[in-house]
């Protein structure tokens, strides 16, 4: 199974921590956060990794290389200073992408059943799948409506029936990128907006909570878990 990790952002919410290092290289208990991500993905059978990098990419490449020391294969799609946003970064990486691939944010640690999600997706003739969490406005404003097995509304103005949020993991077919122009910025939210009306965006509901290191509070929580040996496997 292949995954594209979006690791090219500036990480501005972490302030001085990411002024001179990419967010994926932020230290967690003596290891870069990306090392924790790769360990988790490898355990779940996701070993083909496309790193979508940009900001301070050489530091990531110098530490992780081709991935052999981490039990995975890593290839790099470097957007440099183009700032292509999330979907634009995937379009830039298109030559490296498989026919179907996961999409993960570079600051997320998600203990999901990756194999079951991919099998569910491949058994259905759709262009995308989003893992969603039933939030009901508890952790953040719920901004996704699910009807049957599809996402039918995402973000924008709150609407009746929006009780889910994006859990941070998606699956896409390479074909879903066809409408994007390589080298032009585009967001995943905008890409999903094109998949929703024709019911091409499946929903997979998870009850697992998600962890992130993109905010100071999230990073501190993940560090506490790592030091205590309590990071979920």
C-alpha atoms as a PDB file:
ATOM      1  CA  UNK A   1       0.000   0.000   0.000  1.00  0.00           C
ATOM      2  CA  UNK A   2       1.189   3.462  -0.873  1.00  0.00           C
ATOM      3  CA  UNK A   3       0.831   6.680   1.086  1.00  0.00           C
ATOM      4  CA  UNK A   4       1.528  10.293   0.145  1.00  0.00           C
ATOM      5  CA  UNK A   5       2.551  12.309   3.202  1.00  0.00           C
ATOM      6  CA  UNK A   6       2.043  16.061   2.898  1.00  0.00           C
ATOM      7  CA  UNK A   7       5.178  17.352   4.622  1.00  0.00           C
ATOM      8  CA  UNK A   8       5.978  20.546   2.748  1.00  0.00           C
ATOM      9  CA  UNK A   9       4.263  23.146   4.922  1.00  0.00           C
ATOM     10  CA  UNK A  10       5.867  25.891   6.977  1.00  0.00           C
ATOM     11  CA  UNK A  11       4.530  24.715  10.352  1.00  0.00           C
ATOM     12  CA  UNK A  12       3.929  28.289  11.476  1.00  0.00           C
ATOM     13  CA  UNK A  13       1.730  27.317  14.444  1.00  0.00           C
ATOM     14  CA  UNK A  14       4.797  25.839  16.155  1.00  0.00           C
ATOM     15  CA  UNK A  15       6.636  29.142  16.038  1.00  0.00           C
ATOM     16  CA  UNK A  16      10.371  28.988  16.690  1.00  0.00           C
ATOM     17  CA  UNK A  17      10.388  25.172  16.660  1.00  0.00           C
ATOM     18  CA  UNK A  18       9.901  25.152  12.892  1.00  0.00           C
ATOM     19  CA  UNK A  19      11.751  28.337  11.975  1.00  0.00           C
ATOM     20  CA  UNK A  20      14.825  26.309  10.996  1.00  0.00           C
ATOM     21  CA  UNK A  21      13.483  22.785  10.715  1.00  0.00           C
ATOM     22  CA  UNK A  22      10.535  21.174   8.929  1.00  0.00           C
ATOM     23  CA  UNK A  23       7.623  20.042  11.067  1.00  0.00           C
ATOM     24  CA  UNK A  24       8.320  16.380  10.262  1.00  0.00           C
ATOM     25  CA  UNK A  25      11.725  16.751  11.939  1.00  0.00           C
ATOM     26  CA  UNK A  26      10.445  18.166  15.232  1.00  0.00           C
ATOM     27  CA  UNK A  27      11.903  16.084  18.061  1.00  0.00           C
ATOM     28  CA  UNK A  28       9.641  13.692  19.953  1.00  0.00           C
ATOM     29  CA  UNK A  29      11.461  11.727  22.665  1.00  0.00           C
ATOM     30  CA  UNK A  30      14.758  11.818  20.769  1.00  0.00           C
ATOM     31  CA  UNK A  31      13.357  10.998  17.312  1.00  0.00           C
ATOM     32  CA  UNK A  32      11.852  13.081  14.495  1.00  0.00           C
ATOM     33  CA  UNK A  33       8.062  12.914  14.409  1.00  0.00           C
ATOM     34  CA  UNK A  34       8.218  11.385  10.916  1.00  0.00           C
ATOM     35  CA  UNK A  35      10.040   8.359  12.364  1.00  0.00           C
ATOM     36  CA  UNK A  36       7.046   7.696  14.635  1.00  0.00           C
ATOM     37  CA  UNK A  37       4.719   7.998  11.645  1.00  0.00           C
ATOM     38  CA  UNK A  38       6.769   5.569   9.558  1.00  0.00           C
ATOM     39  CA  UNK A  39       6.874   3.007  12.374  1.00  0.00           C
ATOM     40  CA  UNK A  40       3.088   3.084  12.633  1.00  0.00           C
ATOM     41  CA  UNK A  41       2.557   2.862   8.874  1.00  0.00           C
ATOM     42  CA  UNK A  42       5.015  -0.017   8.481  1.00  0.00           C
ATOM     43  CA  UNK A  43       3.217  -2.014  11.185  1.00  0.00           C
ATOM     44  CA  UNK A  44       0.000  -1.583   9.210  1.00  0.00           C
ATOM     45  CA  UNK A  45       1.538  -2.696   5.912  1.00  0.00           C
ATOM     46  CA  UNK A  46       1.985   0.744   4.337  1.00  0.00           C
ATOM     47  CA  UNK A  47       5.578   0.654   3.114  1.00  0.00           C
ATOM     48  CA  UNK A  48       5.571   2.641  -0.160  1.00  0.00           C
ATOM     49  CA  UNK A  49       5.933   6.285   0.906  1.00  0.00           C
ATOM     50  CA  UNK A  50       5.863   9.391  -1.268  1.00  0.00           C
ATOM     51  CA  UNK A  51       6.995  12.400   0.764  1.00  0.00           C
ATOM     52  CA  UNK A  52       5.611  15.659  -0.599  1.00  0.00           C
ATOM     53  CA  UNK A  53       8.205  18.104   0.688  1.00  0.00           C
ATOM     54  CA  UNK A  54       9.181  21.728   0.207  1.00  0.00           C
ATOM     55  CA  UNK A  55      10.143  23.794   3.247  1.00  0.00           C
ATOM     56  CA  UNK A  56      13.659  22.763   4.371  1.00  0.00           C
ATOM     57  CA  UNK A  57      13.304  19.497   2.473  1.00  0.00           C
ATOM     58  CA  UNK A  58      17.021  18.697   2.499  1.00  0.00           C
ATOM     59  CA  UNK A  59      16.911  18.066   6.254  1.00  0.00           C
ATOM     60  CA  UNK A  60      14.214  15.408   5.804  1.00  0.00           C
ATOM     61  CA  UNK A  61      15.980  13.821   2.845  1.00  0.00           C
ATOM     62  CA  UNK A  62      19.322  13.783   4.658  1.00  0.00           C
ATOM     63  CA  UNK A  63      17.900  11.988   7.686  1.00  0.00           C
ATOM     64  CA  UNK A  64      15.533   9.490   6.069  1.00  0.00           C
ATOM     65  CA  UNK A  65      17.155   8.883   2.685  1.00  0.00           C
ATOM     66  CA  UNK A  66      15.461   6.113   0.760  1.00  0.00           C
ATOM     67  CA  UNK A  67      13.796   4.713   3.876  1.00  0.00           C
ATOM     68  CA  UNK A  68      15.711   1.426   4.147  1.00  0.00           C
ATOM     69  CA  UNK A  69      16.719   2.103   7.756  1.00  0.00           C
ATOM     70  CA  UNK A  70      13.042   2.571   8.612  1.00  0.00           C
ATOM     71  CA  UNK A  71      11.667  -0.475   6.833  1.00  0.00           C
ATOM     72  CA  UNK A  72       9.950   1.450   4.035  1.00  0.00           C
ATOM     73  CA  UNK A  73      10.685   2.813   0.559  1.00  0.00           C
ATOM     74  CA  UNK A  74      10.702   6.604   0.400  1.00  0.00           C
ATOM     75  CA  UNK A  75      10.594   8.720  -2.738  1.00  0.00           C
ATOM     76  CA  UNK A  76      10.464  12.507  -2.701  1.00  0.00           C
ATOM     77  CA  UNK A  77       8.350  15.027  -4.559  1.00  0.00           C
ATOM     78  CA  UNK A  78       9.921  18.419  -3.872  1.00  0.00           C
ATOM     79  CA  UNK A  79       7.847  21.492  -4.698  1.00  0.00           C
ATOM     80  CA  UNK A  80      10.640  23.834  -3.572  1.00  0.00           C
ATOM     81  CA  UNK A  81       9.291  27.309  -2.888  1.00  0.00           C
ATOM     82  CA  UNK A  82       6.193  26.926  -5.054  1.00  0.00           C
ATOM     83  CA  UNK A  83       3.702  26.633  -2.119  1.00  0.00           C
ATOM     84  CA  UNK A  84       1.286  24.453  -4.054  1.00  0.00           C
ATOM     85  CA  UNK A  85      -1.061  23.718  -1.129  1.00  0.00           C
ATOM     86  CA  UNK A  86      -2.285  20.210  -0.350  1.00  0.00           C
ATOM     87  CA  UNK A  87      -3.909  19.019  -3.582  1.00  0.00           C
ATOM     88  CA  UNK A  88      -1.374  20.955  -5.635  1.00  0.00           C
ATOM     89  CA  UNK A  89       1.396  19.021  -3.892  1.00  0.00           C
ATOM     90  CA  UNK A  90      -0.283  15.746  -4.852  1.00  0.00           C
ATOM     91  CA  UNK A  91      -0.564  16.838  -8.478  1.00  0.00           C
ATOM     92  CA  UNK A  92       3.138  17.734  -8.433  1.00  0.00           C
ATOM     93  CA  UNK A  93       3.854  14.206  -7.128  1.00  0.00           C
ATOM     94  CA  UNK A  94       1.566  12.536  -9.677  1.00  0.00           C
ATOM     95  CA  UNK A  95       4.361  10.715 -11.599  1.00  0.00           C
ATOM     96  CA  UNK A  96       5.222   8.843  -8.393  1.00  0.00           C
ATOM     97  CA  UNK A  97       1.694   7.962  -7.336  1.00  0.00           C
ATOM     98  CA  UNK A  98       0.056   4.545  -7.588  1.00  0.00           C
ATOM     99  CA  UNK A  99      -3.375   4.001  -9.103  1.00  0.00           C
ATOM    100  CA  UNK A 100      -4.791   4.269  -5.558  1.00  0.00           C
ATOM    101  CA  UNK A 101      -2.993   5.782  -2.568  1.00  0.00           C
ATOM    102  CA  UNK A 102      -3.524   7.096   0.958  1.00  0.00           C
ATOM    103  CA  UNK A 103      -3.108  10.792   1.759  1.00  0.00           C
ATOM    104  CA  UNK A 104      -1.835  11.748   5.228  1.00  0.00           C
ATOM    105  CA  UNK A 105      -0.908  15.100   6.720  1.00  0.00           C
ATOM    106  CA  UNK A 106       2.670  15.384   7.895  1.00  0.00           C
ATOM    107  CA  UNK A 107       1.646  16.285  11.441  1.00  0.00           C
ATOM    108  CA  UNK A 108      -0.901  13.492  12.037  1.00  0.00           C
ATOM    109  CA  UNK A 109      -0.551  10.175  13.880  1.00  0.00           C
ATOM    110  CA  UNK A 110      -3.540   7.993  13.050  1.00  0.00           C
ATOM    111  CA  UNK A 111      -4.017   4.527  14.527  1.00  0.00           C
ATOM    112  CA  UNK A 112      -6.449   3.203  11.936  1.00  0.00           C
ATOM    113  CA  UNK A 113      -6.868  -0.137  10.147  1.00  0.00           C
ATOM    114  CA  UNK A 114      -5.201   0.948   6.917  1.00  0.00           C
ATOM    115  CA  UNK A 115      -5.579  -2.379   5.179  1.00  0.00           C
ATOM    116  CA  UNK A 116      -9.315  -2.581   5.865  1.00  0.00           C
ATOM    117  CA  UNK A 117      -9.803   0.993   4.640  1.00  0.00           C
ATOM    118  CA  UNK A 118      -7.938   0.339   1.390  1.00  0.00           C
ATOM    119  CA  UNK A 119      -9.783  -2.932   0.777  1.00  0.00           C
ATOM    120  CA  UNK A 120     -13.124  -1.167   1.324  1.00  0.00           C
ATOM    121  CA  UNK A 121     -12.125   1.545  -1.133  1.00  0.00           C
ATOM    122  CA  UNK A 122     -10.835  -0.762  -3.850  1.00  0.00           C
ATOM    123  CA  UNK A 123     -14.033  -2.807  -3.723  1.00  0.00           C
ATOM    124  CA  UNK A 124     -16.041   0.267  -4.762  1.00  0.00           C
ATOM    125  CA  UNK A 125     -15.868   2.239  -7.977  1.00  0.00           C
ATOM    126  CA  UNK A 126     -15.312   5.703  -6.498  1.00  0.00           C
ATOM    127  CA  UNK A 127     -12.585   8.312  -6.848  1.00  0.00           C
ATOM    128  CA  UNK A 128     -12.003   9.072  -3.186  1.00  0.00           C
ATOM    129  CA  UNK A 129     -12.608   8.135   0.431  1.00  0.00           C
ATOM    130  CA  UNK A 130     -12.381  10.234   3.584  1.00  0.00           C
ATOM    131  CA  UNK A 131     -11.981   8.806   7.073  1.00  0.00           C
ATOM    132  CA  UNK A 132     -14.395  10.716   9.302  1.00  0.00           C
ATOM    133  CA  UNK A 133     -14.946  10.950  13.057  1.00  0.00           C
ATOM    134  CA  UNK A 134     -18.365  11.512  14.624  1.00  0.00           C
ATOM    135  CA  UNK A 135     -17.608  14.715  16.464  1.00  0.00           C
ATOM    136  CA  UNK A 136     -20.971  16.410  17.145  1.00  0.00           C
ATOM    137  CA  UNK A 137     -19.145  19.691  17.840  1.00  0.00           C
ATOM    138  CA  UNK A 138     -17.248  18.269  20.817  1.00  0.00           C
ATOM    139  CA  UNK A 139     -13.617  18.860  19.764  1.00  0.00           C
ATOM    140  CA  UNK A 140     -14.167  21.318  16.951  1.00  0.00           C
ATOM    141  CA  UNK A 141     -17.050  22.516  14.810  1.00  0.00           C
ATOM    142  CA  UNK A 142     -18.469  19.565  12.907  1.00  0.00           C
ATOM    143  CA  UNK A 143     -18.299  20.377   9.189  1.00  0.00           C
ATOM    144  CA  UNK A 144     -19.068  17.146   7.341  1.00  0.00           C
ATOM    145  CA  UNK A 145     -22.395  15.520   6.514  1.00  0.00           C
ATOM    146  CA  UNK A 146     -22.491  11.799   5.736  1.00  0.00           C
ATOM    147  CA  UNK A 147     -25.453  10.123   4.061  1.00  0.00           C
ATOM    148  CA  UNK A 148     -25.297   6.394   3.461  1.00  0.00           C
ATOM    149  CA  UNK A 149     -21.715   5.573   2.554  1.00  0.00           C
ATOM    150  CA  UNK A 150     -20.769   8.985   1.095  1.00  0.00           C
ATOM    151  CA  UNK A 151     -19.742  12.441   2.215  1.00  0.00           C
ATOM    152  CA  UNK A 152     -22.486  14.782   0.971  1.00  0.00           C
ATOM    153  CA  UNK A 153     -21.259  18.120   2.373  1.00  0.00           C
ATOM    154  CA  UNK A 154     -17.925  19.405   3.679  1.00  0.00           C
ATOM    155  CA  UNK A 155     -17.105  22.701   5.398  1.00  0.00           C
ATOM    156  CA  UNK A 156     -18.528  26.005   4.321  1.00  0.00           C
ATOM    157  CA  UNK A 157     -21.660  27.201   6.096  1.00  0.00           C
ATOM    158  CA  UNK A 158     -22.904  24.806   8.813  1.00  0.00           C
ATOM    159  CA  UNK A 159     -25.774  22.695   7.544  1.00  0.00           C
ATOM    160  CA  UNK A 160     -28.256  20.323   9.214  1.00  0.00           C
ATOM    161  CA  UNK A 161     -26.820  16.827   9.634  1.00  0.00           C
ATOM    162  CA  UNK A 162     -23.180  17.904   9.928  1.00  0.00           C
ATOM    163  CA  UNK A 163     -21.955  15.776  12.840  1.00  0.00           C
ATOM    164  CA  UNK A 164     -18.586  14.529  11.518  1.00  0.00           C
ATOM    165  CA  UNK A 165     -15.115  15.983  11.029  1.00  0.00           C
ATOM    166  CA  UNK A 166     -12.229  14.967   8.797  1.00  0.00           C
ATOM    167  CA  UNK A 167     -10.064  12.458  10.707  1.00  0.00           C
ATOM    168  CA  UNK A 168      -6.987  13.294   8.628  1.00  0.00           C
ATOM    169  CA  UNK A 169      -6.666  10.277   6.309  1.00  0.00           C
ATOM    170  CA  UNK A 170      -8.012   9.907   2.786  1.00  0.00           C
ATOM    171  CA  UNK A 171      -7.681   7.546  -0.157  1.00  0.00           C
ATOM    172  CA  UNK A 172      -7.635   8.794  -3.724  1.00  0.00           C
ATOM    173  CA  UNK A 173      -7.396   7.297  -7.157  1.00  0.00           C
ATOM    174  CA  UNK A 174      -4.803   9.020  -9.299  1.00  0.00           C
ATOM    175  CA  UNK A 175      -7.638   9.738 -11.726  1.00  0.00           C
ATOM    176  CA  UNK A 176      -9.126  12.143  -9.141  1.00  0.00           C
ATOM    177  CA  UNK A 177      -6.263  14.566  -9.846  1.00  0.00           C
ATOM    178  CA  UNK A 178      -7.065  14.853 -13.549  1.00  0.00           C
ATOM    179  CA  UNK A 179      -8.847  18.213 -13.229  1.00  0.00           C
ATOM    180  CA  UNK A 180      -5.860  19.876 -11.504  1.00  0.00           C
ATOM    181  CA  UNK A 181      -3.128  21.790 -13.335  1.00  0.00           C
ATOM    182  CA  UNK A 182       0.396  20.744 -12.385  1.00  0.00           C
ATOM    183  CA  UNK A 183       2.264  23.612 -10.773  1.00  0.00           C
ATOM    184  CA  UNK A 184      -0.891  25.535  -9.796  1.00  0.00           C
ATOM    185  CA  UNK A 185      -1.889  25.735  -6.098  1.00  0.00           C
ATOM    186  CA  UNK A 186      -4.981  23.755  -5.125  1.00  0.00           C
ATOM    187  CA  UNK A 187      -6.438  22.555  -1.839  1.00  0.00           C
ATOM    188  CA  UNK A 188      -7.702  19.145  -0.861  1.00  0.00           C
ATOM    189  CA  UNK A 189     -10.891  20.752   0.373  1.00  0.00           C
ATOM    190  CA  UNK A 190     -11.432  22.189  -3.090  1.00  0.00           C
ATOM    191  CA  UNK A 191     -10.711  18.818  -4.685  1.00  0.00           C
ATOM    192  CA  UNK A 192     -13.184  17.080  -2.370  1.00  0.00           C
ATOM    193  CA  UNK A 193     -15.787  19.685  -3.316  1.00  0.00           C
ATOM    194  CA  UNK A 194     -15.660  18.395  -6.903  1.00  0.00           C
ATOM    195  CA  UNK A 195     -16.112  14.776  -5.761  1.00  0.00           C
ATOM    196  CA  UNK A 196     -19.064  15.308  -3.435  1.00  0.00           C
ATOM    197  CA  UNK A 197     -21.929  16.226  -5.842  1.00  0.00           C
ATOM    198  CA  UNK A 198     -21.483  13.093  -8.018  1.00  0.00           C
ATOM    199  CA  UNK A 199     -21.159  10.987  -4.822  1.00  0.00           C
ATOM    200  CA  UNK A 200     -17.556  10.075  -5.568  1.00  0.00           C
ATOM    201  CA  UNK A 201     -16.281  10.637  -2.003  1.00  0.00           C
ATOM    202  CA  UNK A 202     -16.870   7.638   0.235  1.00  0.00           C
ATOM    203  CA  UNK A 203     -16.979   7.988   4.024  1.00  0.00           C
ATOM    204  CA  UNK A 204     -15.280   5.584   6.444  1.00  0.00           C
ATOM    205  CA  UNK A 205     -16.239   6.262  10.053  1.00  0.00           C
ATOM    206  CA  UNK A 206     -13.720   5.669  12.813  1.00  0.00           C
ATOM    207  CA  UNK A 207     -14.126   5.842  16.573  1.00  0.00           C
ATOM    208  CA  UNK A 208     -10.372   6.049  17.092  1.00  0.00           C
ATOM    209  CA  UNK A 209      -9.151   9.433  18.239  1.00  0.00           C
ATOM    210  CA  UNK A 210      -6.430  11.144  16.237  1.00  0.00           C
ATOM    211  CA  UNK A 211      -3.185  12.707  17.404  1.00  0.00           C
ATOM    212  CA  UNK A 212      -1.371  15.664  15.861  1.00  0.00           C
ATOM    213  CA  UNK A 213       1.791  17.669  16.408  1.00  0.00           C
ATOM    214  CA  UNK A 214       0.877  20.692  14.325  1.00  0.00           C
ATOM    215  CA  UNK A 215      -0.133  22.729  17.377  1.00  0.00           C
ATOM    216  CA  UNK A 216       1.842  23.351  20.587  1.00  0.00           C
ATOM    217  CA  UNK A 217      -0.821  21.561  22.641  1.00  0.00           C
ATOM    218  CA  UNK A 218      -0.934  18.550  20.322  1.00  0.00           C
ATOM    219  CA  UNK A 219       2.855  18.286  20.227  1.00  0.00           C
ATOM    220  CA  UNK A 220       3.110  18.465  24.016  1.00  0.00           C
ATOM    221  CA  UNK A 221       0.489  15.713  24.436  1.00  0.00           C
ATOM    222  CA  UNK A 222       2.260  13.455  21.936  1.00  0.00           C
ATOM    223  CA  UNK A 223       5.607  14.057  23.633  1.00  0.00           C
ATOM    224  CA  UNK A 224       4.149  13.121  27.022  1.00  0.00           C
ATOM    225  CA  UNK A 225       2.785   9.888  25.580  1.00  0.00           C
ATOM    226  CA  UNK A 226       6.101   9.069  23.905  1.00  0.00           C
ATOM    227  CA  UNK A 227       8.154   9.631  27.062  1.00  0.00           C
ATOM    228  CA  UNK A 228       5.731   7.503  29.074  1.00  0.00           C
ATOM    229  CA  UNK A 229       5.712   4.753  26.422  1.00  0.00           C
ATOM    230  CA  UNK A 230       2.003   5.306  25.897  1.00  0.00           C
ATOM    231  CA  UNK A 231       1.798   6.078  22.191  1.00  0.00           C
ATOM    232  CA  UNK A 232      -0.930   3.859  20.683  1.00  0.00           C
ATOM    233  CA  UNK A 233       0.404   1.205  18.322  1.00  0.00           C
END
